Amino acid sequence: MKPTDGQLKEFWVLLGWRQDTIGNWIYPPQYKNKHFSMYGIPDMDLNNLFKYAMVTLDQANYYKALKSIFVKRKDLAPALFWAIYEVMK
């Protein structure tokens, strides 16, 4: 099941992304080399989920998320999104 736009925004906000006054999304503080904003949040694909979300999880939740996607789902990107979303909440 694909997340709604609201769930996607909540997900990226939980990871530290913020919107400026004109609606651009600003990288979280941990990405010090990224001093610019981008229009829109990152796409929900495996590359972005591993690049921005999986690195924020502790080891136990990292493996819990990975285990969840391979046990339950065929479409990996949405499955990984939901697995990360669950362990972050």
N, C-alpha and C. Protein backbone atom coordinates (compact mmCIF):
# COMPACT_ATOMS: atom_id res chain seq x y z
N MET A 1 0.82 -1.17 0.00
CA MET A 1 0.00 0.00 0.00
C MET A 1 0.88 1.25 0.00
N LYS A 2 0.59 2.16 -0.90
CA LYS A 2 1.36 3.40 -0.97
C LYS A 2 0.92 4.36 0.12
N PRO A 3 1.86 5.07 0.71
CA PRO A 3 1.50 6.07 1.71
C PRO A 3 0.83 7.28 1.07
N THR A 4 0.03 7.97 1.84
CA THR A 4 -0.60 9.21 1.37
C THR A 4 0.45 10.32 1.35
N ASP A 5 0.11 11.42 0.72
CA ASP A 5 1.02 12.58 0.72
C ASP A 5 1.29 13.05 2.15
N GLY A 6 0.26 13.04 2.97
CA GLY A 6 0.42 13.44 4.37
C GLY A 6 1.36 12.52 5.13
N GLN A 7 1.26 11.23 4.89
CA GLN A 7 2.15 10.27 5.56
C GLN A 7 3.59 10.44 5.09
N LEU A 8 3.76 10.71 3.79
CA LEU A 8 5.11 10.94 3.27
C LEU A 8 5.72 12.18 3.90
N LYS A 9 4.95 13.26 3.98
CA LYS A 9 5.46 14.49 4.60
C LYS A 9 5.81 14.25 6.07
N GLU A 10 4.94 13.55 6.79
CA GLU A 10 5.21 13.25 8.19
C GLU A 10 6.49 12.43 8.33
N PHE A 11 6.67 11.46 7.45
CA PHE A 11 7.85 10.61 7.45
C PHE A 11 9.13 11.44 7.33
N TRP A 12 9.16 12.34 6.33
CA TRP A 12 10.36 13.14 6.11
C TRP A 12 10.58 14.16 7.22
N VAL A 13 9.51 14.67 7.80
CA VAL A 13 9.64 15.58 8.94
C VAL A 13 10.23 14.84 10.14
N LEU A 14 9.80 13.60 10.36
CA LEU A 14 10.37 12.79 11.45
C LEU A 14 11.87 12.58 11.25
N LEU A 15 12.32 12.60 10.00
CA LEU A 15 13.74 12.42 9.69
C LEU A 15 14.52 13.74 9.73
N GLY A 16 13.84 14.84 10.02
CA GLY A 16 14.53 16.12 10.17
C GLY A 16 14.38 17.10 9.02
N TRP A 17 13.66 16.74 7.97
CA TRP A 17 13.44 17.66 6.87
C TRP A 17 12.46 18.74 7.31
N ARG A 18 12.66 19.96 6.83
CA ARG A 18 11.78 21.08 7.17
C ARG A 18 11.44 21.87 5.92
N GLN A 19 10.26 22.49 5.95
CA GLN A 19 9.86 23.36 4.84
C GLN A 19 10.14 24.80 5.21
N ASP A 20 10.67 25.57 4.25
CA ASP A 20 10.86 26.99 4.50
C ASP A 20 9.58 27.75 4.19
N THR A 21 9.63 29.05 4.26
CA THR A 21 8.42 29.86 4.11
C THR A 21 7.82 29.83 2.71
N ILE A 22 8.63 29.47 1.72
CA ILE A 22 8.09 29.41 0.35
C ILE A 22 7.80 27.98 -0.11
N GLY A 23 7.94 27.02 0.80
CA GLY A 23 7.55 25.65 0.50
C GLY A 23 8.66 24.72 0.06
N ASN A 24 9.91 25.20 -0.02
CA ASN A 24 11.03 24.32 -0.35
C ASN A 24 11.38 23.45 0.86
N TRP A 25 11.85 22.26 0.59
CA TRP A 25 12.26 21.35 1.66
C TRP A 25 13.75 21.51 1.92
N ILE A 26 14.11 21.65 3.18
CA ILE A 26 15.50 21.89 3.58
C ILE A 26 16.06 20.60 4.17
N TYR A 27 17.28 20.27 3.75
CA TYR A 27 17.95 19.07 4.25
C TYR A 27 18.09 19.13 5.76
N PRO A 28 18.06 17.97 6.43
CA PRO A 28 18.26 17.93 7.88
C PRO A 28 19.67 18.40 8.24
N PRO A 29 19.85 18.86 9.49
CA PRO A 29 21.16 19.38 9.91
C PRO A 29 22.32 18.40 9.79
N GLN A 30 22.06 17.09 9.87
CA GLN A 30 23.17 16.13 9.80
C GLN A 30 23.83 16.08 8.42
N TYR A 31 23.19 16.65 7.41
CA TYR A 31 23.78 16.71 6.07
C TYR A 31 24.42 18.07 5.89
N LYS A 32 25.54 18.28 6.56
CA LYS A 32 26.18 19.59 6.61
C LYS A 32 26.66 20.07 5.25
N ASN A 33 26.95 19.15 4.35
CA ASN A 33 27.41 19.55 3.03
C ASN A 33 26.25 19.93 2.11
N LYS A 34 25.03 19.81 2.58
CA LYS A 34 23.85 20.14 1.78
C LYS A 34 23.26 21.44 2.33
N HIS A 35 23.71 22.57 1.84
CA HIS A 35 23.25 23.86 2.34
C HIS A 35 22.17 24.46 1.47
N PHE A 36 21.51 23.66 0.71
CA PHE A 36 20.47 24.19 -0.16
C PHE A 36 19.17 23.45 0.08
N SER A 37 18.13 23.98 -0.46
CA SER A 37 16.83 23.33 -0.31
C SER A 37 16.44 22.73 -1.65
N MET A 38 15.42 21.93 -1.62
CA MET A 38 14.94 21.31 -2.85
C MET A 38 13.44 21.45 -2.91
N TYR A 39 12.93 21.52 -4.11
CA TYR A 39 11.49 21.63 -4.28
C TYR A 39 10.90 20.24 -4.16
N GLY A 40 10.13 20.03 -3.14
CA GLY A 40 9.52 18.72 -2.91
C GLY A 40 10.39 17.83 -2.04
N ILE A 41 9.75 16.86 -1.46
CA ILE A 41 10.47 15.89 -0.63
C ILE A 41 11.10 14.83 -1.53
N PRO A 42 12.08 14.09 -1.02
CA PRO A 42 12.68 13.04 -1.85
C PRO A 42 11.66 11.99 -2.28
N ASP A 43 11.89 11.42 -3.43
CA ASP A 43 11.02 10.33 -3.90
C ASP A 43 11.11 9.15 -2.94
N MET A 44 10.03 8.39 -2.89
CA MET A 44 10.04 7.18 -2.06
C MET A 44 10.57 6.03 -2.91
N ASP A 45 11.87 5.92 -2.97
CA ASP A 45 12.49 4.80 -3.65
C ASP A 45 13.56 4.22 -2.73
N LEU A 46 14.05 3.05 -3.08
CA LEU A 46 15.02 2.38 -2.20
C LEU A 46 16.27 3.22 -1.98
N ASN A 47 16.74 3.91 -3.02
CA ASN A 47 17.93 4.73 -2.89
C ASN A 47 17.75 5.79 -1.81
N ASN A 48 16.68 6.56 -1.86
CA ASN A 48 16.46 7.62 -0.88
C ASN A 48 16.14 7.07 0.50
N LEU A 49 15.43 5.96 0.57
CA LEU A 49 15.12 5.39 1.87
C LEU A 49 16.39 4.92 2.59
N PHE A 50 17.32 4.31 1.84
CA PHE A 50 18.57 3.90 2.46
C PHE A 50 19.47 5.11 2.74
N LYS A 51 19.50 6.05 1.82
CA LYS A 51 20.38 7.22 1.94
C LYS A 51 19.99 8.12 3.11
N TYR A 52 18.70 8.35 3.30
CA TYR A 52 18.26 9.32 4.30
C TYR A 52 17.58 8.70 5.52
N ALA A 53 16.94 7.57 5.40
CA ALA A 53 16.15 7.05 6.51
C ALA A 53 16.85 5.92 7.26
N MET A 54 17.32 4.94 6.55
CA MET A 54 17.91 3.77 7.23
C MET A 54 19.13 4.16 8.06
N VAL A 55 19.88 5.16 7.62
CA VAL A 55 21.08 5.57 8.36
C VAL A 55 20.74 6.21 9.70
N THR A 56 19.50 6.61 9.90
CA THR A 56 19.10 7.24 11.17
C THR A 56 18.66 6.22 12.21
N LEU A 57 18.46 4.99 11.81
CA LEU A 57 17.97 3.97 12.74
C LEU A 57 19.11 3.34 13.52
N ASP A 58 18.83 2.96 14.77
CA ASP A 58 19.83 2.21 15.51
C ASP A 58 19.88 0.79 14.93
N GLN A 59 20.86 0.02 15.34
CA GLN A 59 21.08 -1.30 14.74
C GLN A 59 19.87 -2.22 14.88
N ALA A 60 19.25 -2.23 16.05
CA ALA A 60 18.11 -3.12 16.26
C ALA A 60 16.95 -2.77 15.33
N ASN A 61 16.63 -1.49 15.21
CA ASN A 61 15.53 -1.08 14.34
C ASN A 61 15.89 -1.21 12.86
N TYR A 62 17.15 -1.05 12.54
CA TYR A 62 17.62 -1.24 11.16
C TYR A 62 17.32 -2.67 10.71
N TYR A 63 17.71 -3.63 11.53
CA TYR A 63 17.48 -5.03 11.16
C TYR A 63 16.01 -5.42 11.26
N LYS A 64 15.29 -4.80 12.20
CA LYS A 64 13.85 -5.05 12.31
C LYS A 64 13.14 -4.57 11.03
N ALA A 65 13.52 -3.41 10.52
CA ALA A 65 12.92 -2.89 9.29
C ALA A 65 13.25 -3.80 8.10
N LEU A 66 14.52 -4.20 7.99
CA LEU A 66 14.90 -5.07 6.88
C LEU A 66 14.18 -6.41 6.93
N LYS A 67 14.11 -6.99 8.11
CA LYS A 67 13.44 -8.29 8.26
C LYS A 67 11.97 -8.18 7.86
N SER A 68 11.35 -7.10 8.26
CA SER A 68 9.93 -6.89 7.98
C SER A 68 9.64 -6.86 6.48
N ILE A 69 10.49 -6.19 5.71
CA ILE A 69 10.18 -6.06 4.28
C ILE A 69 10.34 -7.38 3.54
N PHE A 70 11.28 -8.21 3.96
CA PHE A 70 11.50 -9.45 3.24
C PHE A 70 10.52 -10.55 3.64
N VAL A 71 9.96 -10.43 4.82
CA VAL A 71 9.00 -11.43 5.29
C VAL A 71 7.61 -11.17 4.72
N LYS A 72 7.22 -9.90 4.62
CA LYS A 72 5.83 -9.56 4.33
C LYS A 72 5.53 -9.07 2.92
N ARG A 73 6.48 -8.52 2.22
CA ARG A 73 6.13 -7.76 1.02
C ARG A 73 6.92 -8.18 -0.22
N LYS A 74 6.36 -7.84 -1.36
CA LYS A 74 7.05 -8.06 -2.63
C LYS A 74 7.60 -6.75 -3.19
N ASP A 75 6.83 -5.66 -3.08
CA ASP A 75 7.25 -4.36 -3.58
C ASP A 75 8.10 -3.69 -2.49
N LEU A 76 9.41 -3.66 -2.68
CA LEU A 76 10.31 -3.31 -1.60
C LEU A 76 10.27 -1.87 -1.14
N ALA A 77 10.15 -0.90 -2.04
CA ALA A 77 10.18 0.51 -1.61
C ALA A 77 9.04 0.84 -0.65
N PRO A 78 7.78 0.58 -1.01
CA PRO A 78 6.71 0.86 -0.03
C PRO A 78 6.85 0.02 1.24
N ALA A 79 7.31 -1.21 1.11
CA ALA A 79 7.48 -2.06 2.29
C ALA A 79 8.54 -1.48 3.22
N LEU A 80 9.63 -1.02 2.64
CA LEU A 80 10.68 -0.42 3.46
C LEU A 80 10.19 0.87 4.10
N PHE A 81 9.45 1.68 3.34
CA PHE A 81 8.88 2.91 3.90
C PHE A 81 8.07 2.58 5.15
N TRP A 82 7.14 1.63 5.05
CA TRP A 82 6.27 1.30 6.18
C TRP A 82 7.06 0.70 7.33
N ALA A 83 8.07 -0.09 7.04
CA ALA A 83 8.88 -0.68 8.10
C ALA A 83 9.63 0.41 8.88
N ILE A 84 10.22 1.36 8.17
CA ILE A 84 10.93 2.46 8.82
C ILE A 84 9.93 3.33 9.59
N TYR A 85 8.81 3.62 8.96
CA TYR A 85 7.78 4.45 9.57
C TYR A 85 7.32 3.87 10.90
N GLU A 86 7.16 2.56 10.94
CA GLU A 86 6.71 1.90 12.16
C GLU A 86 7.75 1.96 13.28
N VAL A 87 9.02 1.78 12.95
CA VAL A 87 10.03 1.78 14.01
C VAL A 87 10.37 3.20 14.46
N MET A 88 10.09 4.21 13.65
CA MET A 88 10.35 5.59 14.03
C MET A 88 9.27 6.15 14.94
N LYS A 89 8.07 5.63 14.87
CA LYS A 89 6.95 6.19 15.64
C LYS A 89 6.98 5.76 17.08
